[in-house]
């Protein structure tokens, strides 16, 4: 499912791509955690560790800010 979704990211507007890619990676992380818990989501809360969220979100945020600043300069 995520591979199919990832294929559509280049079709998005440039300023949206980093945000959507970050969301995709974080959702994949949630699925990885669910698998690690052997799908026992009724008895355990599934979270992506803060360190991983930060490691994914920060580069996405910087990429998005850079992309948006480039678009403003071109306008």
Protein backbone atom coordinates (compact mmCIF):
# COMPACT_ATOMS: atom_id res chain seq x y z
CA UNK A 1 0.00 0.00 0.00
CA UNK A 2 2.74 2.48 0.94
CA UNK A 3 4.75 1.77 -2.21
CA UNK A 4 1.72 2.62 -4.34
CA UNK A 5 1.14 5.81 -2.36
CA UNK A 6 4.81 6.79 -2.62
CA UNK A 7 4.60 6.57 -6.42
CA UNK A 8 2.06 9.41 -6.38
CA UNK A 9 4.18 11.87 -4.39
CA UNK A 10 5.98 13.28 -7.46
CA UNK A 11 2.56 14.10 -8.91
CA UNK A 12 1.84 16.51 -6.05
CA UNK A 13 2.72 20.19 -6.04
CA UNK A 14 6.36 20.67 -5.11
CA UNK A 15 5.59 22.50 -1.87
CA UNK A 16 3.43 19.58 -0.65
CA UNK A 17 5.77 16.69 -1.39
CA UNK A 18 7.99 16.85 1.71
CA UNK A 19 5.01 16.97 4.06
CA UNK A 20 3.27 14.04 2.39
CA UNK A 21 6.51 12.02 2.26
CA UNK A 22 7.03 12.65 5.99
CA UNK A 23 3.48 11.50 6.76
CA UNK A 24 4.03 8.40 4.64
CA UNK A 25 7.22 7.46 6.47
CA UNK A 26 5.60 8.03 9.87
CA UNK A 27 2.59 5.90 8.92
CA UNK A 28 4.97 3.17 7.80
CA UNK A 29 6.61 3.48 11.21
CA UNK A 30 3.28 2.92 12.93
CA UNK A 31 2.74 -0.20 10.84
CA UNK A 32 6.24 -1.44 11.73
CA UNK A 33 5.42 -0.99 15.42
CA UNK A 34 2.12 -2.87 14.99
CA UNK A 35 3.95 -5.77 13.35
CA UNK A 36 6.57 -5.74 16.14
CA UNK A 37 3.73 -6.11 18.66
CA UNK A 38 2.40 -9.09 16.68
CA UNK A 39 -0.69 -7.01 15.81
CA UNK A 40 -1.78 -6.78 19.46
CA UNK A 41 -3.20 -3.27 19.14
CA UNK A 42 -6.11 -3.82 21.52
CA UNK A 43 -3.91 -4.28 24.59
CA UNK A 44 -1.00 -1.98 23.78
CA UNK A 45 -0.85 1.56 22.48
CA UNK A 46 1.24 1.76 19.33
CA UNK A 47 3.55 4.74 19.00
CA UNK A 48 6.47 5.65 16.82
CA UNK A 49 9.32 6.54 19.21
CA UNK A 50 9.97 10.27 19.56
CA UNK A 51 13.54 9.90 18.30
CA UNK A 52 12.30 8.31 15.07
CA UNK A 53 9.53 10.90 14.64
CA UNK A 54 12.06 13.71 15.05
CA UNK A 55 14.51 11.99 12.71
CA UNK A 56 11.82 11.78 10.05
CA UNK A 57 10.05 15.09 10.59
CA UNK A 58 13.04 17.41 10.87
CA UNK A 59 14.51 16.66 7.42
CA UNK A 60 11.00 16.89 5.94
CA UNK A 61 10.43 20.23 7.60
CA UNK A 62 13.76 21.59 6.34
CA UNK A 63 13.09 20.28 2.82
CA UNK A 64 9.64 21.82 2.83
CA UNK A 65 10.94 25.19 4.07
CA UNK A 66 13.69 25.17 1.42
CA UNK A 67 11.25 24.22 -1.33
CA UNK A 68 8.76 26.89 -0.30
CA UNK A 69 11.45 29.59 -0.13
CA UNK A 70 12.59 28.67 -3.66
CA UNK A 71 9.02 28.95 -4.92
CA UNK A 72 8.62 32.41 -3.37
CA UNK A 73 11.84 33.61 -5.00
CA UNK A 74 10.62 32.45 -8.43
CA UNK A 75 7.25 34.20 -8.07
